[in-house]
Amino acid sequence: MTVEHPLADDYRQRVVEAVHEELARWGIDRFDVGAMANRHGLDVDAIQRRWPDPEELILEALAHWPGADASPPDTGWLRT
């Protein structure tokens, strides 16, 4: 069970965007919360209070991945 810790929406967004950049650059296998926080000027303690498990942070970031909620393009109707 995750205990919710309040985090300002703009700071939460900065963290999620930093995770996006880190995953795109390093991949999930090399993802490190402390290194990400240092590179992006974020507070590692605040991040770990809100997301004690790095997997939870990654899952939240993936749920908000740019374009993740985009619908597939409408290419017309295909008849068979």
PDB file of N, CA and C in Angstrom:
ATOM      1  N   MET A   1       0.833  -1.169   0.000  1.00  0.00           N
ATOM      2  CA  MET A   1       0.000   0.000   0.000  1.00  0.00           C
ATOM      3  C   MET A   1       0.889   1.248   0.000  1.00  0.00           C
ATOM      4  N   THR A   2       0.602   2.168  -0.861  1.00  0.00           N
ATOM      5  CA  THR A   2       1.368   3.396  -0.981  1.00  0.00           C
ATOM      6  C   THR A   2       0.731   4.486  -0.121  1.00  0.00           C
ATOM      7  N   VAL A   3       1.564   5.168   0.649  1.00  0.00           N
ATOM      8  CA  VAL A   3       1.098   6.304   1.433  1.00  0.00           C
ATOM      9  C   VAL A   3       1.311   7.540   0.584  1.00  0.00           C
ATOM     10  N   GLU A   4       0.240   8.286   0.341  1.00  0.00           N
ATOM     11  CA  GLU A   4       0.323   9.489  -0.481  1.00  0.00           C
ATOM     12  C   GLU A   4       0.993  10.605   0.297  1.00  0.00           C
ATOM     13  N   HIS A   5       1.985  11.212  -0.291  1.00  0.00           N
ATOM     14  CA  HIS A   5       2.626  12.387   0.275  1.00  0.00           C
ATOM     15  C   HIS A   5       2.368  13.536  -0.681  1.00  0.00           C
ATOM     16  N   PRO A   6       1.876  14.653  -0.144  1.00  0.00           N
ATOM     17  CA  PRO A   6       1.577  15.774  -1.027  1.00  0.00           C
ATOM     18  C   PRO A   6       2.836  16.319  -1.682  1.00  0.00           C
ATOM     19  N   LEU A   7       2.722  16.631  -2.919  1.00  0.00           N
ATOM     20  CA  LEU A   7       3.818  17.211  -3.679  1.00  0.00           C
ATOM     21  C   LEU A   7       3.172  18.191  -4.650  1.00  0.00           C
ATOM     22  N   ALA A   8       3.693  19.385  -4.703  1.00  0.00           N
ATOM     23  CA  ALA A   8       3.113  20.394  -5.584  1.00  0.00           C
ATOM     24  C   ALA A   8       3.026  19.849  -7.006  1.00  0.00           C
ATOM     25  N   ASP A   9       1.924  20.173  -7.687  1.00  0.00           N
ATOM     26  CA  ASP A   9       1.701  19.653  -9.036  1.00  0.00           C
ATOM     27  C   ASP A   9       2.829  20.016  -9.998  1.00  0.00           C
ATOM     28  N   ASP A  10       3.332  21.241  -9.902  1.00  0.00           N
ATOM     29  CA  ASP A  10       4.400  21.635 -10.817  1.00  0.00           C
ATOM     30  C   ASP A  10       5.688  20.863 -10.534  1.00  0.00           C
ATOM     31  N   TYR A  11       5.972  20.583  -9.264  1.00  0.00           N
ATOM     32  CA  TYR A  11       7.170  19.810  -8.921  1.00  0.00           C
ATOM     33  C   TYR A  11       6.999  18.358  -9.361  1.00  0.00           C
ATOM     34  N   ARG A  12       5.796  17.806  -9.144  1.00  0.00           N
ATOM     35  CA  ARG A  12       5.508  16.443  -9.571  1.00  0.00           C
ATOM     36  C   ARG A  12       5.698  16.318 -11.087  1.00  0.00           C
ATOM     37  N   GLN A  13       5.232  17.334 -11.825  1.00  0.00           N
ATOM     38  CA  GLN A  13       5.382  17.339 -13.280  1.00  0.00           C
ATOM     39  C   GLN A  13       6.862  17.384 -13.672  1.00  0.00           C
ATOM     40  N   ARG A  14       7.654  18.180 -12.961  1.00  0.00           N
ATOM     41  CA  ARG A  14       9.098  18.236 -13.228  1.00  0.00           C
ATOM     42  C   ARG A  14       9.746  16.868 -13.020  1.00  0.00           C
ATOM     43  N   VAL A  15       9.327  16.179 -11.956  1.00  0.00           N
ATOM     44  CA  VAL A  15       9.876  14.847 -11.675  1.00  0.00           C
ATOM     45  C   VAL A  15       9.494  13.879 -12.788  1.00  0.00           C
ATOM     46  N   VAL A  16       8.228  13.873 -13.179  1.00  0.00           N
ATOM     47  CA  VAL A  16       7.755  12.959 -14.229  1.00  0.00           C
ATOM     48  C   VAL A  16       8.491  13.236 -15.546  1.00  0.00           C
ATOM     49  N   GLU A  17       8.670  14.505 -15.894  1.00  0.00           N
ATOM     50  CA  GLU A  17       9.403  14.848 -17.119  1.00  0.00           C
ATOM     51  C   GLU A  17      10.862  14.418 -17.033  1.00  0.00           C
ATOM     52  N   ALA A  18      11.447  14.536 -15.845  1.00  0.00           N
ATOM     53  CA  ALA A  18      12.831  14.084 -15.653  1.00  0.00           C
ATOM     54  C   ALA A  18      12.922  12.573 -15.837  1.00  0.00           C
ATOM     55  N   VAL A  19      11.934  11.839 -15.322  1.00  0.00           N
ATOM     56  CA  VAL A  19      11.921  10.380 -15.511  1.00  0.00           C
ATOM     57  C   VAL A  19      11.810  10.050 -16.990  1.00  0.00           C
ATOM     58  N   HIS A  20      10.959  10.762 -17.728  1.00  0.00           N
ATOM     59  CA  HIS A  20      10.824  10.544 -19.170  1.00  0.00           C
ATOM     60  C   HIS A  20      12.188  10.692 -19.856  1.00  0.00           C
ATOM     61  N   GLU A  21      12.877  11.784 -19.536  1.00  0.00           N
ATOM     62  CA  GLU A  21      14.179  12.032 -20.157  1.00  0.00           C
ATOM     63  C   GLU A  21      15.190  10.952 -19.793  1.00  0.00           C
ATOM     64  N   GLU A  22      15.194  10.554 -18.532  1.00  0.00           N
ATOM     65  CA  GLU A  22      16.145   9.533 -18.081  1.00  0.00           C
ATOM     66  C   GLU A  22      15.864   8.181 -18.738  1.00  0.00           C
ATOM     67  N   LEU A  23      14.602   7.806 -18.820  1.00  0.00           N
ATOM     68  CA  LEU A  23      14.260   6.529 -19.450  1.00  0.00           C
ATOM     69  C   LEU A  23      14.615   6.540 -20.934  1.00  0.00           C
ATOM     70  N   ALA A  24      14.365   7.668 -21.587  1.00  0.00           N
ATOM     71  CA  ALA A  24      14.702   7.770 -23.010  1.00  0.00           C
ATOM     72  C   ALA A  24      16.215   7.710 -23.224  1.00  0.00           C
ATOM     73  N   ARG A  25      16.956   8.304 -22.304  1.00  0.00           N
ATOM     74  CA  ARG A  25      18.413   8.357 -22.460  1.00  0.00           C
ATOM     75  C   ARG A  25      19.106   7.080 -22.004  1.00  0.00           C
ATOM     76  N   TRP A  26      18.729   6.565 -20.812  1.00  0.00           N
ATOM     77  CA  TRP A  26      19.464   5.463 -20.204  1.00  0.00           C
ATOM     78  C   TRP A  26      18.726   4.125 -20.243  1.00  0.00           C
ATOM     79  N   GLY A  27      17.418   4.158 -20.415  1.00  0.00           N
ATOM     80  CA  GLY A  27      16.649   2.912 -20.380  1.00  0.00           C
ATOM     81  C   GLY A  27      16.270   2.559 -18.949  1.00  0.00           C
ATOM     82  N   ILE A  28      15.385   1.614 -18.833  1.00  0.00           N
ATOM     83  CA  ILE A  28      14.860   1.243 -17.519  1.00  0.00           C
ATOM     84  C   ILE A  28      15.903   0.510 -16.675  1.00  0.00           C
ATOM     85  N   ASP A  29      16.784  -0.251 -17.322  1.00  0.00           N
ATOM     86  CA  ASP A  29      17.785  -1.020 -16.577  1.00  0.00           C
ATOM     87  C   ASP A  29      18.809  -0.131 -15.886  1.00  0.00           C
ATOM     88  N   ARG A  30      19.086   1.033 -16.439  1.00  0.00           N
ATOM     89  CA  ARG A  30      20.086   1.931 -15.861  1.00  0.00           C
ATOM     90  C   ARG A  30      19.469   3.114 -15.128  1.00  0.00           C
ATOM     91  N   PHE A  31      18.140   3.091 -14.948  1.00  0.00           N
ATOM     92  CA  PHE A  31      17.460   4.190 -14.262  1.00  0.00           C
ATOM     93  C   PHE A  31      17.870   4.215 -12.795  1.00  0.00           C
ATOM     94  N   ASP A  32      18.233   5.398 -12.303  1.00  0.00           N
ATOM     95  CA  ASP A  32      18.641   5.578 -10.911  1.00  0.00           C
ATOM     96  C   ASP A  32      18.043   6.888 -10.397  1.00  0.00           C
ATOM     97  N   VAL A  33      17.247   6.801  -9.338  1.00  0.00           N
ATOM     98  CA  VAL A  33      16.546   7.975  -8.812  1.00  0.00           C
ATOM     99  C   VAL A  33      17.531   9.051  -8.358  1.00  0.00           C
ATOM    100  N   GLY A  34      18.571   8.662  -7.628  1.00  0.00           N
ATOM    101  CA  GLY A  34      19.539   9.635  -7.131  1.00  0.00           C
ATOM    102  C   GLY A  34      20.269  10.351  -8.251  1.00  0.00           C
ATOM    103  N   ALA A  35      20.701   9.599  -9.247  1.00  0.00           N
ATOM    104  CA  ALA A  35      21.399  10.203 -10.386  1.00  0.00           C
ATOM    105  C   ALA A  35      20.460  11.131 -11.154  1.00  0.00           C
ATOM    106  N   MET A  36      19.202  10.702 -11.316  1.00  0.00           N
ATOM    107  CA  MET A  36      18.222  11.542 -12.012  1.00  0.00           C
ATOM    108  C   MET A  36      18.018  12.851 -11.254  1.00  0.00           C
ATOM    109  N   ALA A  37      17.850  12.749  -9.941  1.00  0.00           N
ATOM    110  CA  ALA A  37      17.634  13.944  -9.132  1.00  0.00           C
ATOM    111  C   ALA A  37      18.815  14.902  -9.259  1.00  0.00           C
ATOM    112  N   ASN A  38      20.023  14.378  -9.209  1.00  0.00           N
ATOM    113  CA  ASN A  38      21.215  15.228  -9.346  1.00  0.00           C
ATOM    114  C   ASN A  38      21.281  15.900 -10.703  1.00  0.00           C
ATOM    115  N   ARG A  39      21.024  15.153 -11.762  1.00  0.00           N
ATOM    116  CA  ARG A  39      21.109  15.710 -13.118  1.00  0.00           C
ATOM    117  C   ARG A  39      20.056  16.778 -13.382  1.00  0.00           C
ATOM    118  N   HIS A  40      18.897  16.646 -12.743  1.00  0.00           N
ATOM    119  CA  HIS A  40      17.772  17.548 -13.018  1.00  0.00           C
ATOM    120  C   HIS A  40      17.522  18.560 -11.903  1.00  0.00           C
ATOM    121  N   GLY A  41      18.403  18.609 -10.910  1.00  0.00           N
ATOM    122  CA  GLY A  41      18.266  19.580  -9.831  1.00  0.00           C
ATOM    123  C   GLY A  41      17.040  19.355  -8.961  1.00  0.00           C
ATOM    124  N   LEU A  42      16.727  18.087  -8.699  1.00  0.00           N
ATOM    125  CA  LEU A  42      15.551  17.743  -7.899  1.00  0.00           C
ATOM    126  C   LEU A  42      15.989  17.213  -6.536  1.00  0.00           C
ATOM    127  N   ASP A  43      15.093  17.258  -5.574  1.00  0.00           N
ATOM    128  CA  ASP A  43      15.363  16.789  -4.215  1.00  0.00           C
ATOM    129  C   ASP A  43      15.057  15.297  -4.116  1.00  0.00           C
ATOM    130  N   VAL A  44      16.115  14.493  -3.995  1.00  0.00           N
ATOM    131  CA  VAL A  44      15.949  13.045  -3.956  1.00  0.00           C
ATOM    132  C   VAL A  44      15.105  12.612  -2.759  1.00  0.00           C
ATOM    133  N   ASP A  45      15.234  13.289  -1.627  1.00  0.00           N
ATOM    134  CA  ASP A  45      14.438  12.919  -0.443  1.00  0.00           C
ATOM    135  C   ASP A  45      12.945  13.146  -0.677  1.00  0.00           C
ATOM    136  N   ALA A  46      12.597  14.256  -1.308  1.00  0.00           N
ATOM    137  CA  ALA A  46      11.184  14.532  -1.610  1.00  0.00           C
ATOM    138  C   ALA A  46      10.639  13.487  -2.582  1.00  0.00           C
ATOM    139  N   ILE A  47      11.444  13.111  -3.557  1.00  0.00           N
ATOM    140  CA  ILE A  47      11.028  12.096  -4.525  1.00  0.00           C
ATOM    141  C   ILE A  47      10.804  10.763  -3.827  1.00  0.00           C
ATOM    142  N   GLN A  48      11.738  10.380  -2.967  1.00  0.00           N
ATOM    143  CA  GLN A  48      11.628   9.085  -2.292  1.00  0.00           C
ATOM    144  C   GLN A  48      10.518   9.055  -1.244  1.00  0.00           C
ATOM    145  N   ARG A  49      10.163  10.208  -0.688  1.00  0.00           N
ATOM    146  CA  ARG A  49       9.011  10.240   0.219  1.00  0.00           C
ATOM    147  C   ARG A  49       7.716   9.999  -0.559  1.00  0.00           C
ATOM    148  N   ARG A  50       7.610  10.592  -1.747  1.00  0.00           N
ATOM    149  CA  ARG A  50       6.392  10.450  -2.561  1.00  0.00           C
ATOM    150  C   ARG A  50       6.335   9.106  -3.264  1.00  0.00           C
ATOM    151  N   TRP A  51       7.486   8.641  -3.749  1.00  0.00           N
ATOM    152  CA  TRP A  51       7.587   7.356  -4.444  1.00  0.00           C
ATOM    153  C   TRP A  51       8.682   6.531  -3.771  1.00  0.00           C
ATOM    154  N   PRO A  52       8.360   5.830  -2.663  1.00  0.00           N
ATOM    155  CA  PRO A  52       9.394   5.068  -1.951  1.00  0.00           C
ATOM    156  C   PRO A  52      10.002   3.952  -2.805  1.00  0.00           C
ATOM    157  N   ASP A  53       9.248   3.464  -3.750  1.00  0.00           N
ATOM    158  CA  ASP A  53       9.721   2.397  -4.627  1.00  0.00           C
ATOM    159  C   ASP A  53       9.940   2.987  -6.023  1.00  0.00           C
ATOM    160  N   PRO A  54      11.158   2.878  -6.568  1.00  0.00           N
ATOM    161  CA  PRO A  54      11.413   3.430  -7.902  1.00  0.00           C
ATOM    162  C   PRO A  54      10.454   2.892  -8.970  1.00  0.00           C
ATOM    163  N   GLU A  55       9.984   1.663  -8.798  1.00  0.00           N
ATOM    164  CA  GLU A  55       9.046   1.092  -9.770  1.00  0.00           C
ATOM    165  C   GLU A  55       7.744   1.896  -9.819  1.00  0.00           C
ATOM    166  N   GLU A  56       7.295   2.386  -8.654  1.00  0.00           N
ATOM    167  CA  GLU A  56       6.078   3.208  -8.618  1.00  0.00           C
ATOM    168  C   GLU A  56       6.285   4.509  -9.387  1.00  0.00           C
ATOM    169  N   LEU A  57       7.461   5.101  -9.239  1.00  0.00           N
ATOM    170  CA  LEU A  57       7.788   6.335  -9.954  1.00  0.00           C
ATOM    171  C   LEU A  57       7.807   6.080 -11.460  1.00  0.00           C
ATOM    172  N   ILE A  58       8.428   5.006 -11.865  1.00  0.00           N
ATOM    173  CA  ILE A  58       8.496   4.667 -13.292  1.00  0.00           C
ATOM    174  C   ILE A  58       7.096   4.408 -13.845  1.00  0.00           C
ATOM    175  N   LEU A  59       6.280   3.671 -13.101  1.00  0.00           N
ATOM    176  CA  LEU A  59       4.916   3.387 -13.565  1.00  0.00           C
ATOM    177  C   LEU A  59       4.100   4.661 -13.721  1.00  0.00           C
ATOM    178  N   GLU A  60       4.228   5.583 -12.763  1.00  0.00           N
ATOM    179  CA  GLU A  60       3.491   6.851 -12.893  1.00  0.00           C
ATOM    180  C   GLU A  60       3.977   7.639 -14.101  1.00  0.00           C
ATOM    181  N   ALA A  61       5.290   7.655 -14.306  1.00  0.00           N
ATOM    182  CA  ALA A  61       5.837   8.376 -15.458  1.00  0.00           C
ATOM    183  C   ALA A  61       5.363   7.747 -16.765  1.00  0.00           C
ATOM    184  N   LEU A  62       5.327   6.425 -16.825  1.00  0.00           N
ATOM    185  CA  LEU A  62       4.864   5.755 -18.045  1.00  0.00           C
ATOM    186  C   LEU A  62       3.387   6.040 -18.303  1.00  0.00           C
ATOM    187  N   ALA A  63       2.608   6.150 -17.232  1.00  0.00           N
ATOM    188  CA  ALA A  63       1.178   6.459 -17.385  1.00  0.00           C
ATOM    189  C   ALA A  63       0.973   7.864 -17.946  1.00  0.00           C
ATOM    190  N   HIS A  64       1.979   8.724 -17.772  1.00  0.00           N
ATOM    191  CA  HIS A  64       1.889  10.099 -18.268  1.00  0.00           C
ATOM    192  C   HIS A  64       2.877  10.358 -19.391  1.00  0.00           C
ATOM    193  N   TRP A  65       3.275   9.306 -20.086  1.00  0.00           N
ATOM    194  CA  TRP A  65       4.224   9.447 -21.195  1.00  0.00           C
ATOM    195  C   TRP A  65       3.597  10.311 -22.283  1.00  0.00           C
ATOM    196  N   PRO A  66       4.354  11.242 -22.842  1.00  0.00           N
ATOM    197  CA  PRO A  66       3.788  12.102 -23.894  1.00  0.00           C
ATOM    198  C   PRO A  66       3.197  11.274 -25.040  1.00  0.00           C
ATOM    199  N   GLY A  67       1.946  11.558 -25.363  1.00  0.00           N
ATOM    200  CA  GLY A  67       1.276  10.854 -26.448  1.00  0.00           C
ATOM    201  C   GLY A  67       0.676   9.519 -26.041  1.00  0.00           C
ATOM    202  N   ALA A  68       0.794   9.150 -24.761  1.00  0.00           N
ATOM    203  CA  ALA A  68       0.290   7.854 -24.314  1.00  0.00           C
ATOM    204  C   ALA A  68      -1.230   7.757 -24.427  1.00  0.00           C
ATOM    205  N   ASP A  69      -1.924   8.893 -24.350  1.00  0.00           N
ATOM    206  CA  ASP A  69      -3.377   8.862 -24.428  1.00  0.00           C
ATOM    207  C   ASP A  69      -3.892   9.212 -25.825  1.00  0.00           C
ATOM    208  N   ALA A  70      -2.985   9.296 -26.762  1.00  0.00           N
ATOM    209  CA  ALA A  70      -3.379   9.650 -28.130  1.00  0.00           C
ATOM    210  C   ALA A  70      -4.127   8.485 -28.781  1.00  0.00           C
ATOM    211  N   SER A  71      -5.133   8.822 -29.528  1.00  0.00           N
ATOM    212  CA  SER A  71      -5.881   7.814 -30.270  1.00  0.00           C
ATOM    213  C   SER A  71      -5.139   7.489 -31.556  1.00  0.00           C
ATOM    214  N   PRO A  72      -5.301   6.265 -32.041  1.00  0.00           N
ATOM    215  CA  PRO A  72      -4.673   5.946 -33.318  1.00  0.00           C
ATOM    216  C   PRO A  72      -5.271   6.815 -34.424  1.00  0.00           C
ATOM    217  N   PRO A  73      -4.506   7.104 -35.438  1.00  0.00           N
ATOM    218  CA  PRO A  73      -5.027   7.968 -36.508  1.00  0.00           C
ATOM    219  C   PRO A  73      -6.174   7.291 -37.248  1.00  0.00           C
ATOM    220  N   ASP A  74      -7.132   8.096 -37.663  1.00  0.00           N
ATOM    221  CA  ASP A  74      -8.249   7.596 -38.446  1.00  0.00           C
ATOM    222  C   ASP A  74      -7.787   7.525 -39.898  1.00  0.00           C
ATOM    223  N   THR A  75      -7.602   6.311 -40.368  1.00  0.00           N
ATOM    224  CA  THR A  75      -7.115   6.126 -41.736  1.00  0.00           C
ATOM    225  C   THR A  75      -8.230   5.724 -42.699  1.00  0.00           C
ATOM    226  N   GLY A  76      -9.451   5.827 -42.212  1.00  0.00           N
ATOM    227  CA  GLY A  76     -10.573   5.494 -43.086  1.00  0.00           C
ATOM    228  C   GLY A  76     -11.116   4.108 -42.805  1.00  0.00           C
ATOM    229  N   TRP A  77     -12.109   3.729 -43.585  1.00  0.00           N
ATOM    230  CA  TRP A  77     -12.766   2.455 -43.393  1.00  0.00           C
ATOM    231  C   TRP A  77     -12.181   1.450 -44.366  1.00  0.00           C
ATOM    232  N   LEU A  78     -11.852   0.279 -43.871  1.00  0.00           N
ATOM    233  CA  LEU A  78     -11.307  -0.767 -44.737  1.00  0.00           C
ATOM    234  C   LEU A  78     -12.373  -1.823 -44.974  1.00  0.00           C
ATOM    235  N   ARG A  79     -12.639  -2.096 -46.233  1.00  0.00           N
ATOM    236  CA  ARG A  79     -13.603  -3.146 -46.573  1.00  0.00           C
ATOM    237  C   ARG A  79     -12.861  -4.432 -46.834  1.00  0.00           C
ATOM    238  N   THR A  80     -13.479  -5.502 -46.440  1.00  0.00           N
ATOM    239  CA  THR A  80     -12.861  -6.811 -46.694  1.00  0.00           C
ATOM    240  C   THR A  80     -13.593  -7.564 -47.755  1.00  0.00           C
TER     241      THR A  80
END
